[in-house]
Structure formats: structure tokens, C-alpha cells
């Protein structure tokens, strides 16, 4: 055999070996398009999702958890979520008022928006007019999180990441809820407060921390004292005298929310006489687990709350 024929055979053999060793294409690469109905009820059809911009930090994190990549995100992804995005990811304004001009300059093939942010909803017509594919999502609870994560993982072809960040968390959440259900005879009464630098409100299942309290069997006093939802009066709190008072701080500065509570409630002499305060059951819940959507840490949020409600639960029951 001539030298050039030997060289040709060698090259062909190398190519065949490389083809056999190459990983199978992902589901995202195999599918020419995906279709789904978004949180606004719109039918969304996507041809590609290689250049993705997320206008909500929580969804940026969720897309990355699903194995996706970003070319753009809003500043909250870095400032609130603490994501390390890299120099190749552009910041396109803040979450409430993202810059449409900067978004379009990135030539995205998919833009992720929140159905709960007015500034995002206002972008629908503009994005449609210029032909940029986009979709709205909403995550109010753990079930919603799993739904969005599953959709993202289907797009990226990373079912393994749904198992890790979705299904595994679901199993742990169910174990925690089952352990809490065994403690129902010891279920405490709870006042849940969402505090800002300028005010405070009692909350029920309309925020996810309140929904989790209900799932874990806590007796939220707003179910009986619904006036607290409108007016967080000291008189009603004294009358209800809950076993626990839990506060979720809002805004960029936790200290500002704590300062409001100190000035407007804790300074009242009657506050010290509340059962929750006397028993050391007045606590601020961490923002990363109860204000921001916890994403990969939903199960940690359930475990944290369950341990507060039922201190007798063991680490093994919450793992």
C-alpha cells in the first residue's frame, strides 16, 4: 500500500473513532422547535435558545441551573442573587426597568420575563413588533419552580439537572412535610410579618413563606384575625398572642426593616409581654430563603421553617 493510501486510511480511522467517542446531541440540539403556553396564556414557539437574556435574576439563576447559558441579565442577578456571570454576559438595566435598547443590541433569540413585573409586561408589544421570541414565567411556590425548571431542562436537554435540582428536592420536601404532619398536636400559632423600611403587613398564603407555613401545619393567626392583613395593630397582636412571630425583611437593607419593627412595635411596652417574645420565638427569616425565591434551596427553606415550628424534629428527619 502506498504512503498516501496509508495516510488516508489513518485519517478515516481517526474520524470514525472521534465520531464514536463524541457525546450524543442534547434534546435541545435534536429538537427544531419547542412550543408551550407561558404564564400570560400566550402560545410560545421557539426555534433556538442559544442567545438568551433573562430580565429577572431569579429566572436567570433558574436557566443556569437547567444548564442554559446567558448573553444578558438584569443587575439583580448579581446584586441580589450573587450570580457570577462572567464578562461575556451583559447587564441590561435593573429588574423593574430593563433597557429594551440594550436587550435588542444583544440580538437575543429568547428573552425570559416575569409575569409579575409591570415593566416586563409592558415590553410584550415591543418585543413582538421586532420579532424577538420571548416568554413570561411565574414562580409563586415550589410547584411552580418545578414546572419552570422542567420546561427549561427540556429545552437544554438536561433531564439530569431536573433530577438534581427538582425531583431530589421534591423528595426531601415531602419527607419534611411528612415529619411535620406527625407533630400536628404541637402545631404553634404564628404571626407572619413582611416588613419594609416604611411599613409592615401581616401575611397569609399570598406569599410563599405563608404558603409553606400552611403546608407544615402552622396555625397562622390571620385566618382568624383577618383585620391584620389591612392593619397590623398592636391591639390585635396582643389579643391573638401568637406562639411565634416570624418576620420576612423586604428591600435591599434588612436593617431598615428591623429598625421599623423596633420603632413601631418593639418599643411598645406590651411587646415584651407577648408569649412569642418571652419565649424567644420572635425571629427574622433569612432573605435568601424566604424573600428571594430559593430555587436550588427550596428544600432548605422548608427544613429551616420546619425546625423553627417543631424544634424536636431531628436533622435526619429534615435531611
C-alpha atoms as a PDB file:
ATOM      1  CA  UNK A   1       0.000   0.000   0.000  1.00  0.00           C
ATOM      2  CA  UNK A   2       1.345   3.443  -0.932  1.00  0.00           C
ATOM      3  CA  UNK A   3       2.207   6.004   1.743  1.00  0.00           C
ATOM      4  CA  UNK A   4      -0.655   8.333   0.777  1.00  0.00           C
ATOM      5  CA  UNK A   5      -3.177   5.480   0.991  1.00  0.00           C
ATOM      6  CA  UNK A   6      -1.852   4.571   4.452  1.00  0.00           C
ATOM      7  CA  UNK A   7      -2.252   8.236   5.485  1.00  0.00           C
ATOM      8  CA  UNK A   8      -5.810   8.376   4.126  1.00  0.00           C
ATOM      9  CA  UNK A   9      -6.780   5.186   5.950  1.00  0.00           C
ATOM     10  CA  UNK A  10      -5.316   6.550   9.147  1.00  0.00           C
ATOM     11  CA  UNK A  11      -7.305   9.786   8.850  1.00  0.00           C
ATOM     12  CA  UNK A  12     -10.539   7.902   8.177  1.00  0.00           C
ATOM     13  CA  UNK A  13      -9.945   5.660  11.192  1.00  0.00           C
ATOM     14  CA  UNK A  14      -9.310   8.695  13.402  1.00  0.00           C
ATOM     15  CA  UNK A  15     -12.519  10.353  12.227  1.00  0.00           C
ATOM     16  CA  UNK A  16     -14.544   7.202  12.913  1.00  0.00           C
ATOM     17  CA  UNK A  17     -13.099   6.951  16.435  1.00  0.00           C
ATOM     18  CA  UNK A  18     -13.872  10.603  17.121  1.00  0.00           C
ATOM     19  CA  UNK A  19     -17.457  10.150  15.925  1.00  0.00           C
ATOM     20  CA  UNK A  20     -17.943   7.164  18.207  1.00  0.00           C
ATOM     21  CA  UNK A  21     -16.461   8.990  21.185  1.00  0.00           C
ATOM     22  CA  UNK A  22     -18.494  12.168  20.690  1.00  0.00           C
ATOM     23  CA  UNK A  23     -21.444  12.579  23.069  1.00  0.00           C
ATOM     24  CA  UNK A  24     -24.950  12.261  21.675  1.00  0.00           C
ATOM     25  CA  UNK A  25     -26.537  15.609  20.852  1.00  0.00           C
ATOM     26  CA  UNK A  26     -28.755  17.070  23.542  1.00  0.00           C
ATOM     27  CA  UNK A  27     -32.515  17.131  23.248  1.00  0.00           C
ATOM     28  CA  UNK A  28     -32.234  20.868  22.610  1.00  0.00           C
ATOM     29  CA  UNK A  29     -29.985  20.214  19.640  1.00  0.00           C
ATOM     30  CA  UNK A  30     -32.232  17.451  18.312  1.00  0.00           C
ATOM     31  CA  UNK A  31     -35.453  19.417  18.517  1.00  0.00           C
ATOM     32  CA  UNK A  32     -36.020  22.002  15.814  1.00  0.00           C
ATOM     33  CA  UNK A  33     -38.517  23.886  17.979  1.00  0.00           C
ATOM     34  CA  UNK A  34     -40.425  23.870  21.234  1.00  0.00           C
ATOM     35  CA  UNK A  35     -43.912  25.127  21.928  1.00  0.00           C
ATOM     36  CA  UNK A  36     -45.583  25.897  25.249  1.00  0.00           C
ATOM     37  CA  UNK A  37     -48.090  28.260  26.852  1.00  0.00           C
ATOM     38  CA  UNK A  38     -46.486  30.880  29.085  1.00  0.00           C
ATOM     39  CA  UNK A  39     -47.743  32.492  32.300  1.00  0.00           C
ATOM     40  CA  UNK A  40     -49.572  35.157  30.303  1.00  0.00           C
ATOM     41  CA  UNK A  41     -51.518  32.495  28.394  1.00  0.00           C
ATOM     42  CA  UNK A  42     -49.604  33.157  25.179  1.00  0.00           C
ATOM     43  CA  UNK A  43     -48.597  30.371  22.829  1.00  0.00           C
ATOM     44  CA  UNK A  44     -44.805  30.472  22.557  1.00  0.00           C
ATOM     45  CA  UNK A  45     -42.874  28.824  19.712  1.00  0.00           C
ATOM     46  CA  UNK A  46     -39.069  28.862  19.834  1.00  0.00           C
ATOM     47  CA  UNK A  47     -36.656  27.791  17.130  1.00  0.00           C
ATOM     48  CA  UNK A  48     -33.459  28.299  19.154  1.00  0.00           C
ATOM     49  CA  UNK A  49     -32.266  29.463  22.547  1.00  0.00           C
ATOM     50  CA  UNK A  50     -28.549  29.994  22.128  1.00  0.00           C
ATOM     51  CA  UNK A  51     -28.620  33.726  22.916  1.00  0.00           C
ATOM     52  CA  UNK A  52     -30.802  34.077  25.995  1.00  0.00           C
ATOM     53  CA  UNK A  53     -31.466  37.234  28.002  1.00  0.00           C
ATOM     54  CA  UNK A  54     -33.202  36.982  31.380  1.00  0.00           C
ATOM     55  CA  UNK A  55     -34.784  40.138  32.771  1.00  0.00           C
ATOM     56  CA  UNK A  56     -35.274  38.663  36.246  1.00  0.00           C
ATOM     57  CA  UNK A  57     -32.371  37.470  38.382  1.00  0.00           C
ATOM     58  CA  UNK A  58     -34.270  34.529  39.850  1.00  0.00           C
ATOM     59  CA  UNK A  59     -35.097  33.219  36.368  1.00  0.00           C
ATOM     60  CA  UNK A  60     -31.519  33.845  35.238  1.00  0.00           C
ATOM     61  CA  UNK A  61     -30.386  31.546  38.045  1.00  0.00           C
ATOM     62  CA  UNK A  62     -33.071  29.017  37.160  1.00  0.00           C
ATOM     63  CA  UNK A  63     -31.994  28.978  33.493  1.00  0.00           C
ATOM     64  CA  UNK A  64     -28.379  28.403  34.555  1.00  0.00           C
ATOM     65  CA  UNK A  65     -29.464  25.597  36.898  1.00  0.00           C
ATOM     66  CA  UNK A  66     -31.079  23.952  33.880  1.00  0.00           C
ATOM     67  CA  UNK A  67     -27.770  24.023  32.021  1.00  0.00           C
ATOM     68  CA  UNK A  68     -28.525  27.065  29.888  1.00  0.00           C
ATOM     69  CA  UNK A  69     -26.230  29.973  29.091  1.00  0.00           C
ATOM     70  CA  UNK A  70     -26.889  33.716  29.059  1.00  0.00           C
ATOM     71  CA  UNK A  71     -25.790  36.661  26.988  1.00  0.00           C
ATOM     72  CA  UNK A  72     -27.647  39.191  29.157  1.00  0.00           C
ATOM     73  CA  UNK A  73     -29.292  39.651  32.551  1.00  0.00           C
ATOM     74  CA  UNK A  74     -30.520  42.411  34.854  1.00  0.00           C
ATOM     75  CA  UNK A  75     -28.453  43.785  37.727  1.00  0.00           C
ATOM     76  CA  UNK A  76     -30.450  41.912  40.387  1.00  0.00           C
ATOM     77  CA  UNK A  77     -28.900  38.678  39.124  1.00  0.00           C
ATOM     78  CA  UNK A  78     -25.593  39.915  40.512  1.00  0.00           C
ATOM     79  CA  UNK A  79     -26.623  42.277  43.319  1.00  0.00           C
ATOM     80  CA  UNK A  80     -29.366  40.135  44.875  1.00  0.00           C
ATOM     81  CA  UNK A  81     -28.762  36.594  43.642  1.00  0.00           C
ATOM     82  CA  UNK A  82     -24.979  36.833  43.799  1.00  0.00           C
ATOM     83  CA  UNK A  83     -24.523  35.139  40.431  1.00  0.00           C
ATOM     84  CA  UNK A  84     -21.067  35.196  38.871  1.00  0.00           C
ATOM     85  CA  UNK A  85     -21.983  35.709  35.236  1.00  0.00           C
ATOM     86  CA  UNK A  86     -18.654  36.457  33.606  1.00  0.00           C
ATOM     87  CA  UNK A  87     -17.528  39.312  31.417  1.00  0.00           C
ATOM     88  CA  UNK A  88     -19.317  37.944  28.353  1.00  0.00           C
ATOM     89  CA  UNK A  89     -22.750  38.432  29.967  1.00  0.00           C
ATOM     90  CA  UNK A  90     -24.075  41.993  29.620  1.00  0.00           C
ATOM     91  CA  UNK A  91     -26.137  43.719  32.319  1.00  0.00           C
ATOM     92  CA  UNK A  92     -29.155  45.368  30.692  1.00  0.00           C
ATOM     93  CA  UNK A  93     -30.537  47.557  33.463  1.00  0.00           C
ATOM     94  CA  UNK A  94     -32.449  46.850  36.645  1.00  0.00           C
ATOM     95  CA  UNK A  95     -35.195  44.308  37.062  1.00  0.00           C
ATOM     96  CA  UNK A  96     -38.096  46.779  37.107  1.00  0.00           C
ATOM     97  CA  UNK A  97     -36.947  48.920  34.192  1.00  0.00           C
ATOM     98  CA  UNK A  98     -34.650  46.917  31.926  1.00  0.00           C
ATOM     99  CA  UNK A  99     -33.270  48.660  28.846  1.00  0.00           C
ATOM    100  CA  UNK A 100     -35.008  47.427  25.707  1.00  0.00           C
ATOM    101  CA  UNK A 101     -32.285  49.030  23.592  1.00  0.00           C
ATOM    102  CA  UNK A 102     -29.552  47.106  25.408  1.00  0.00           C
ATOM    103  CA  UNK A 103     -31.548  43.878  25.195  1.00  0.00           C
ATOM    104  CA  UNK A 104     -32.008  44.212  21.432  1.00  0.00           C
ATOM    105  CA  UNK A 105     -28.333  45.072  20.963  1.00  0.00           C
ATOM    106  CA  UNK A 106     -27.509  41.557  22.186  1.00  0.00           C
ATOM    107  CA  UNK A 107     -29.557  40.046  19.313  1.00  0.00           C
ATOM    108  CA  UNK A 108     -31.298  37.519  21.587  1.00  0.00           C
ATOM    109  CA  UNK A 109     -33.187  34.536  20.248  1.00  0.00           C
ATOM    110  CA  UNK A 110     -35.094  34.164  23.541  1.00  0.00           C
ATOM    111  CA  UNK A 111     -35.951  36.647  26.307  1.00  0.00           C
ATOM    112  CA  UNK A 112     -37.165  35.433  29.710  1.00  0.00           C
ATOM    113  CA  UNK A 113     -39.537  37.765  31.590  1.00  0.00           C
ATOM    114  CA  UNK A 114     -41.607  37.789  34.778  1.00  0.00           C
ATOM    115  CA  UNK A 115     -45.392  37.925  34.527  1.00  0.00           C
ATOM    116  CA  UNK A 116     -45.473  39.701  37.911  1.00  0.00           C
ATOM    117  CA  UNK A 117     -43.388  42.744  36.972  1.00  0.00           C
ATOM    118  CA  UNK A 118     -45.257  45.590  35.312  1.00  0.00           C
ATOM    119  CA  UNK A 119     -42.219  46.787  33.388  1.00  0.00           C
ATOM    120  CA  UNK A 120     -41.808  43.339  31.865  1.00  0.00           C
ATOM    121  CA  UNK A 121     -45.426  43.046  30.786  1.00  0.00           C
ATOM    122  CA  UNK A 122     -45.089  46.431  29.094  1.00  0.00           C
ATOM    123  CA  UNK A 123     -42.300  45.048  26.878  1.00  0.00           C
ATOM    124  CA  UNK A 124     -44.510  42.411  25.260  1.00  0.00           C
ATOM    125  CA  UNK A 125     -45.724  44.567  22.371  1.00  0.00           C
ATOM    126  CA  UNK A 126     -42.280  45.987  21.616  1.00  0.00           C
ATOM    127  CA  UNK A 127     -40.590  42.578  21.595  1.00  0.00           C
ATOM    128  CA  UNK A 128     -43.369  41.178  19.415  1.00  0.00           C
ATOM    129  CA  UNK A 129     -43.105  44.077  16.964  1.00  0.00           C
ATOM    130  CA  UNK A 130     -39.388  43.497  16.414  1.00  0.00           C
ATOM    131  CA  UNK A 131     -39.815  39.725  16.222  1.00  0.00           C
ATOM    132  CA  UNK A 132     -37.855  38.739  19.319  1.00  0.00           C
ATOM    133  CA  UNK A 133     -39.143  35.451  20.820  1.00  0.00           C
ATOM    134  CA  UNK A 134     -39.963  35.813  24.495  1.00  0.00           C
ATOM    135  CA  UNK A 135     -41.983  34.202  27.260  1.00  0.00           C
ATOM    136  CA  UNK A 136     -43.365  35.125  30.665  1.00  0.00           C
ATOM    137  CA  UNK A 137     -42.975  32.910  33.711  1.00  0.00           C
ATOM    138  CA  UNK A 138     -44.298  32.992  37.274  1.00  0.00           C
ATOM    139  CA  UNK A 139     -42.991  31.185  40.367  1.00  0.00           C
ATOM    140  CA  UNK A 140     -45.137  31.619  43.470  1.00  0.00           C
ATOM    141  CA  UNK A 141     -44.334  28.317  45.154  1.00  0.00           C
ATOM    142  CA  UNK A 142     -42.226  25.167  44.926  1.00  0.00           C
ATOM    143  CA  UNK A 143     -44.612  23.511  42.483  1.00  0.00           C
ATOM    144  CA  UNK A 144     -44.267  26.478  40.120  1.00  0.00           C
ATOM    145  CA  UNK A 145     -40.492  26.281  40.450  1.00  0.00           C
ATOM    146  CA  UNK A 146     -40.515  22.616  39.421  1.00  0.00           C
ATOM    147  CA  UNK A 147     -42.762  23.387  36.446  1.00  0.00           C
ATOM    148  CA  UNK A 148     -40.463  26.116  35.114  1.00  0.00           C
ATOM    149  CA  UNK A 149     -37.313  24.102  35.815  1.00  0.00           C
ATOM    150  CA  UNK A 150     -38.756  21.137  33.920  1.00  0.00           C
ATOM    151  CA  UNK A 151     -39.556  23.365  30.930  1.00  0.00           C
ATOM    152  CA  UNK A 152     -36.053  24.831  30.932  1.00  0.00           C
ATOM    153  CA  UNK A 153     -34.434  21.395  31.283  1.00  0.00           C
ATOM    154  CA  UNK A 154     -36.455  20.073  28.360  1.00  0.00           C
ATOM    155  CA  UNK A 155     -35.109  22.914  26.273  1.00  0.00           C
ATOM    156  CA  UNK A 156     -31.498  22.352  27.302  1.00  0.00           C
ATOM    157  CA  UNK A 157     -31.799  18.578  27.120  1.00  0.00           C
ATOM    158  CA  UNK A 158     -30.565  18.250  30.722  1.00  0.00           C
ATOM    159  CA  UNK A 159     -33.027  15.906  32.389  1.00  0.00           C
ATOM    160  CA  UNK A 160     -30.249  15.038  34.833  1.00  0.00           C
ATOM    161  CA  UNK A 161     -30.335  18.595  36.168  1.00  0.00           C
ATOM    162  CA  UNK A 162     -34.081  18.380  36.733  1.00  0.00           C
ATOM    163  CA  UNK A 163     -33.467  15.224  38.753  1.00  0.00           C
ATOM    164  CA  UNK A 164     -30.808  17.028  40.803  1.00  0.00           C
ATOM    165  CA  UNK A 165     -32.488  20.373  41.374  1.00  0.00           C
ATOM    166  CA  UNK A 166     -36.151  19.409  41.022  1.00  0.00           C
ATOM    167  CA  UNK A 167     -37.008  15.773  41.738  1.00  0.00           C
ATOM    168  CA  UNK A 168     -34.466  15.328  44.527  1.00  0.00           C
ATOM    169  CA  UNK A 169     -35.737  18.474  46.245  1.00  0.00           C
ATOM    170  CA  UNK A 170     -39.317  17.263  45.826  1.00  0.00           C
ATOM    171  CA  UNK A 171     -38.485  14.044  47.641  1.00  0.00           C
ATOM    172  CA  UNK A 172     -36.864  15.930  50.503  1.00  0.00           C
ATOM    173  CA  UNK A 173     -39.757  18.395  50.753  1.00  0.00           C
ATOM    174  CA  UNK A 174     -42.218  15.514  51.005  1.00  0.00           C
ATOM    175  CA  UNK A 175     -40.145  13.915  53.780  1.00  0.00           C
ATOM    176  CA  UNK A 176     -40.094  17.193  55.706  1.00  0.00           C
ATOM    177  CA  UNK A 177     -43.845  17.682  55.310  1.00  0.00           C
ATOM    178  CA  UNK A 178     -44.473  14.103  56.454  1.00  0.00           C
ATOM    179  CA  UNK A 179     -42.301  14.657  59.539  1.00  0.00           C
ATOM    180  CA  UNK A 180     -44.144  17.900  60.322  1.00  0.00           C
ATOM    181  CA  UNK A 181     -47.506  16.150  59.938  1.00  0.00           C
ATOM    182  CA  UNK A 182     -46.545  13.865  62.810  1.00  0.00           C
ATOM    183  CA  UNK A 183     -46.182  16.943  65.034  1.00  0.00           C
ATOM    184  CA  UNK A 184     -49.623  18.444  64.438  1.00  0.00           C
ATOM    185  CA  UNK A 185     -50.594  18.166  68.102  1.00  0.00           C
ATOM    186  CA  UNK A 186     -47.764  20.627  68.807  1.00  0.00           C
ATOM    187  CA  UNK A 187     -48.550  22.992  65.923  1.00  0.00           C
ATOM    188  CA  UNK A 188     -47.901  26.579  67.075  1.00  0.00           C
ATOM    189  CA  UNK A 189     -49.890  29.716  66.335  1.00  0.00           C
ATOM    190  CA  UNK A 190     -47.863  32.071  64.181  1.00  0.00           C
ATOM    191  CA  UNK A 191     -47.928  35.699  63.109  1.00  0.00           C
ATOM    192  CA  UNK A 192     -46.078  36.171  59.812  1.00  0.00           C
ATOM    193  CA  UNK A 193     -44.970  39.732  59.083  1.00  0.00           C
ATOM    194  CA  UNK A 194     -43.441  41.195  55.954  1.00  0.00           C
ATOM    195  CA  UNK A 195     -41.553  44.334  56.962  1.00  0.00           C
ATOM    196  CA  UNK A 196     -40.128  47.213  54.945  1.00  0.00           C
ATOM    197  CA  UNK A 197     -38.219  50.315  55.937  1.00  0.00           C
ATOM    198  CA  UNK A 198     -41.522  52.218  55.830  1.00  0.00           C
ATOM    199  CA  UNK A 199     -44.131  49.728  56.975  1.00  0.00           C
ATOM    200  CA  UNK A 200     -45.146  46.190  57.890  1.00  0.00           C
ATOM    201  CA  UNK A 201     -48.004  43.863  56.963  1.00  0.00           C
ATOM    202  CA  UNK A 202     -49.266  40.569  58.291  1.00  0.00           C
ATOM    203  CA  UNK A 203     -49.268  37.953  55.539  1.00  0.00           C
ATOM    204  CA  UNK A 204     -51.019  34.692  54.803  1.00  0.00           C
ATOM    205  CA  UNK A 205     -50.711  32.232  51.947  1.00  0.00           C
ATOM    206  CA  UNK A 206     -50.373  35.079  49.444  1.00  0.00           C
ATOM    207  CA  UNK A 207     -46.592  34.895  49.879  1.00  0.00           C
ATOM    208  CA  UNK A 208     -44.646  31.672  49.619  1.00  0.00           C
ATOM    209  CA  UNK A 209     -43.418  31.770  53.221  1.00  0.00           C
ATOM    210  CA  UNK A 210     -47.054  31.863  54.330  1.00  0.00           C
ATOM    211  CA  UNK A 211     -47.974  29.022  51.984  1.00  0.00           C
ATOM    212  CA  UNK A 212     -45.140  26.948  53.407  1.00  0.00           C
ATOM    213  CA  UNK A 213     -46.325  27.621  56.957  1.00  0.00           C
ATOM    214  CA  UNK A 214     -49.737  26.263  55.984  1.00  0.00           C
ATOM    215  CA  UNK A 215     -48.202  23.188  54.344  1.00  0.00           C
ATOM    216  CA  UNK A 216     -46.239  22.489  57.511  1.00  0.00           C
ATOM    217  CA  UNK A 217     -49.356  22.700  59.670  1.00  0.00           C
ATOM    218  CA  UNK A 218     -48.759  26.014  61.438  1.00  0.00           C
ATOM    219  CA  UNK A 219     -51.806  27.976  62.613  1.00  0.00           C
ATOM    220  CA  UNK A 220     -51.394  31.426  61.050  1.00  0.00           C
ATOM    221  CA  UNK A 221     -53.491  33.823  63.141  1.00  0.00           C
ATOM    222  CA  UNK A 222     -54.523  35.878  60.084  1.00  0.00           C
ATOM    223  CA  UNK A 223     -57.037  33.124  59.316  1.00  0.00           C
ATOM    224  CA  UNK A 224     -58.948  34.309  62.393  1.00  0.00           C
ATOM    225  CA  UNK A 225     -57.818  37.933  62.644  1.00  0.00           C
ATOM    226  CA  UNK A 226     -58.052  38.928  59.004  1.00  0.00           C
ATOM    227  CA  UNK A 227     -58.053  42.599  60.002  1.00  0.00           C
ATOM    228  CA  UNK A 228     -54.292  42.193  60.464  1.00  0.00           C
ATOM    229  CA  UNK A 229     -53.951  41.902  56.699  1.00  0.00           C
ATOM    230  CA  UNK A 230     -55.029  45.531  56.425  1.00  0.00           C
ATOM    231  CA  UNK A 231     -53.806  46.974  59.714  1.00  0.00           C
ATOM    232  CA  UNK A 232     -51.027  45.379  61.749  1.00  0.00           C
ATOM    233  CA  UNK A 233     -52.347  46.778  65.008  1.00  0.00           C
ATOM    234  CA  UNK A 234     -50.651  46.160  68.321  1.00  0.00           C
ATOM    235  CA  UNK A 235     -54.034  45.684  69.973  1.00  0.00           C
ATOM    236  CA  UNK A 236     -54.939  42.744  67.733  1.00  0.00           C
ATOM    237  CA  UNK A 237     -51.492  41.170  68.118  1.00  0.00           C
ATOM    238  CA  UNK A 238     -51.907  41.340  71.907  1.00  0.00           C
ATOM    239  CA  UNK A 239     -55.367  39.787  71.682  1.00  0.00           C
ATOM    240  CA  UNK A 240     -54.122  36.940  69.471  1.00  0.00           C
ATOM    241  CA  UNK A 241     -50.869  36.478  71.448  1.00  0.00           C
ATOM    242  CA  UNK A 242     -49.257  34.055  68.961  1.00  0.00           C
ATOM    243  CA  UNK A 243     -46.733  31.415  69.974  1.00  0.00           C
ATOM    244  CA  UNK A 244     -44.350  32.663  67.303  1.00  0.00           C
ATOM    245  CA  UNK A 245     -43.750  35.861  65.359  1.00  0.00           C
ATOM    246  CA  UNK A 246     -41.763  35.466  62.144  1.00  0.00           C
ATOM    247  CA  UNK A 247     -40.652  38.432  60.073  1.00  0.00           C
ATOM    248  CA  UNK A 248     -39.575  38.457  56.422  1.00  0.00           C
ATOM    249  CA  UNK A 249     -37.454  41.565  55.665  1.00  0.00           C
ATOM    250  CA  UNK A 250     -38.042  43.311  52.351  1.00  0.00           C
ATOM    251  CA  UNK A 251     -35.957  45.772  50.387  1.00  0.00           C
ATOM    252  CA  UNK A 252     -32.217  45.944  49.912  1.00  0.00           C
ATOM    253  CA  UNK A 253     -31.447  46.615  53.584  1.00  0.00           C
ATOM    254  CA  UNK A 254     -32.539  44.139  56.250  1.00  0.00           C
ATOM    255  CA  UNK A 255     -31.503  46.572  58.979  1.00  0.00           C
ATOM    256  CA  UNK A 256     -34.032  49.129  57.726  1.00  0.00           C
ATOM    257  CA  UNK A 257     -36.890  46.641  58.077  1.00  0.00           C
ATOM    258  CA  UNK A 258     -35.657  45.642  61.532  1.00  0.00           C
ATOM    259  CA  UNK A 259     -35.440  49.315  62.508  1.00  0.00           C
ATOM    260  CA  UNK A 260     -39.065  49.880  61.501  1.00  0.00           C
ATOM    261  CA  UNK A 261     -40.200  46.950  63.644  1.00  0.00           C
ATOM    262  CA  UNK A 262     -38.114  48.181  66.565  1.00  0.00           C
ATOM    263  CA  UNK A 263     -39.542  51.695  66.401  1.00  0.00           C
ATOM    264  CA  UNK A 264     -43.189  50.895  65.720  1.00  0.00           C
ATOM    265  CA  UNK A 265     -43.726  47.624  67.608  1.00  0.00           C
ATOM    266  CA  UNK A 266     -40.843  46.514  69.800  1.00  0.00           C
ATOM    267  CA  UNK A 267     -40.726  49.927  71.519  1.00  0.00           C
ATOM    268  CA  UNK A 268     -44.266  49.334  72.796  1.00  0.00           C
ATOM    269  CA  UNK A 269     -44.020  48.050  76.410  1.00  0.00           C
ATOM    270  CA  UNK A 270     -46.707  45.459  75.646  1.00  0.00           C
ATOM    271  CA  UNK A 271     -44.485  43.826  73.035  1.00  0.00           C
ATOM    272  CA  UNK A 272     -42.186  42.375  75.682  1.00  0.00           C
ATOM    273  CA  UNK A 273     -45.160  40.668  77.302  1.00  0.00           C
ATOM    274  CA  UNK A 274     -46.127  38.673  74.208  1.00  0.00           C
ATOM    275  CA  UNK A 275     -45.721  34.904  74.539  1.00  0.00           C
ATOM    276  CA  UNK A 276     -43.579  34.724  71.406  1.00  0.00           C
ATOM    277  CA  UNK A 277     -41.184  37.393  72.677  1.00  0.00           C
ATOM    278  CA  UNK A 278     -40.938  35.989  76.187  1.00  0.00           C
ATOM    279  CA  UNK A 279     -40.137  32.527  74.813  1.00  0.00           C
ATOM    280  CA  UNK A 280     -37.570  33.789  72.328  1.00  0.00           C
ATOM    281  CA  UNK A 281     -39.782  32.890  69.379  1.00  0.00           C
ATOM    282  CA  UNK A 282     -39.605  36.210  67.553  1.00  0.00           C
ATOM    283  CA  UNK A 283     -37.267  35.744  64.600  1.00  0.00           C
ATOM    284  CA  UNK A 284     -36.240  37.314  61.320  1.00  0.00           C
ATOM    285  CA  UNK A 285     -36.259  34.805  58.463  1.00  0.00           C
ATOM    286  CA  UNK A 286     -33.258  34.923  56.100  1.00  0.00           C
ATOM    287  CA  UNK A 287     -33.984  36.799  52.861  1.00  0.00           C
ATOM    288  CA  UNK A 288     -32.169  34.275  50.697  1.00  0.00           C
ATOM    289  CA  UNK A 289     -34.631  31.573  51.752  1.00  0.00           C
ATOM    290  CA  UNK A 290     -37.875  33.493  52.315  1.00  0.00           C
ATOM    291  CA  UNK A 291     -37.823  36.759  50.363  1.00  0.00           C
ATOM    292  CA  UNK A 292     -35.976  35.765  47.216  1.00  0.00           C
ATOM    293  CA  UNK A 293     -37.185  32.577  45.546  1.00  0.00           C
ATOM    294  CA  UNK A 294     -34.766  29.934  46.865  1.00  0.00           C
ATOM    295  CA  UNK A 295     -34.520  27.947  43.590  1.00  0.00           C
ATOM    296  CA  UNK A 296     -31.958  25.192  44.289  1.00  0.00           C
ATOM    297  CA  UNK A 297     -32.602  25.677  48.036  1.00  0.00           C
ATOM    298  CA  UNK A 298     -36.379  25.272  48.266  1.00  0.00           C
ATOM    299  CA  UNK A 299     -35.949  22.153  50.403  1.00  0.00           C
ATOM    300  CA  UNK A 300     -33.612  24.106  52.699  1.00  0.00           C
ATOM    301  CA  UNK A 301     -36.368  26.696  53.156  1.00  0.00           C
ATOM    302  CA  UNK A 302     -38.856  24.014  54.176  1.00  0.00           C
ATOM    303  CA  UNK A 303     -36.323  22.473  56.563  1.00  0.00           C
ATOM    304  CA  UNK A 304     -35.472  25.848  58.134  1.00  0.00           C
ATOM    305  CA  UNK A 305     -39.132  26.664  58.755  1.00  0.00           C
ATOM    306  CA  UNK A 306     -39.982  23.173  59.999  1.00  0.00           C
ATOM    307  CA  UNK A 307     -37.159  23.328  62.548  1.00  0.00           C
ATOM    308  CA  UNK A 308     -38.484  26.647  63.889  1.00  0.00           C
ATOM    309  CA  UNK A 309     -42.037  25.321  64.145  1.00  0.00           C
ATOM    310  CA  UNK A 310     -41.074  21.937  65.586  1.00  0.00           C
ATOM    311  CA  UNK A 311     -37.681  22.128  67.324  1.00  0.00           C
ATOM    312  CA  UNK A 312     -37.997  18.470  68.296  1.00  0.00           C
ATOM    313  CA  UNK A 313     -37.516  17.397  64.668  1.00  0.00           C
ATOM    314  CA  UNK A 314     -34.107  15.818  64.134  1.00  0.00           C
ATOM    315  CA  UNK A 315     -31.571  16.658  61.464  1.00  0.00           C
ATOM    316  CA  UNK A 316     -32.179  13.214  59.983  1.00  0.00           C
ATOM    317  CA  UNK A 317     -35.898  13.970  59.564  1.00  0.00           C
ATOM    318  CA  UNK A 318     -35.091  17.220  57.778  1.00  0.00           C
ATOM    319  CA  UNK A 319     -32.304  15.896  55.552  1.00  0.00           C
END
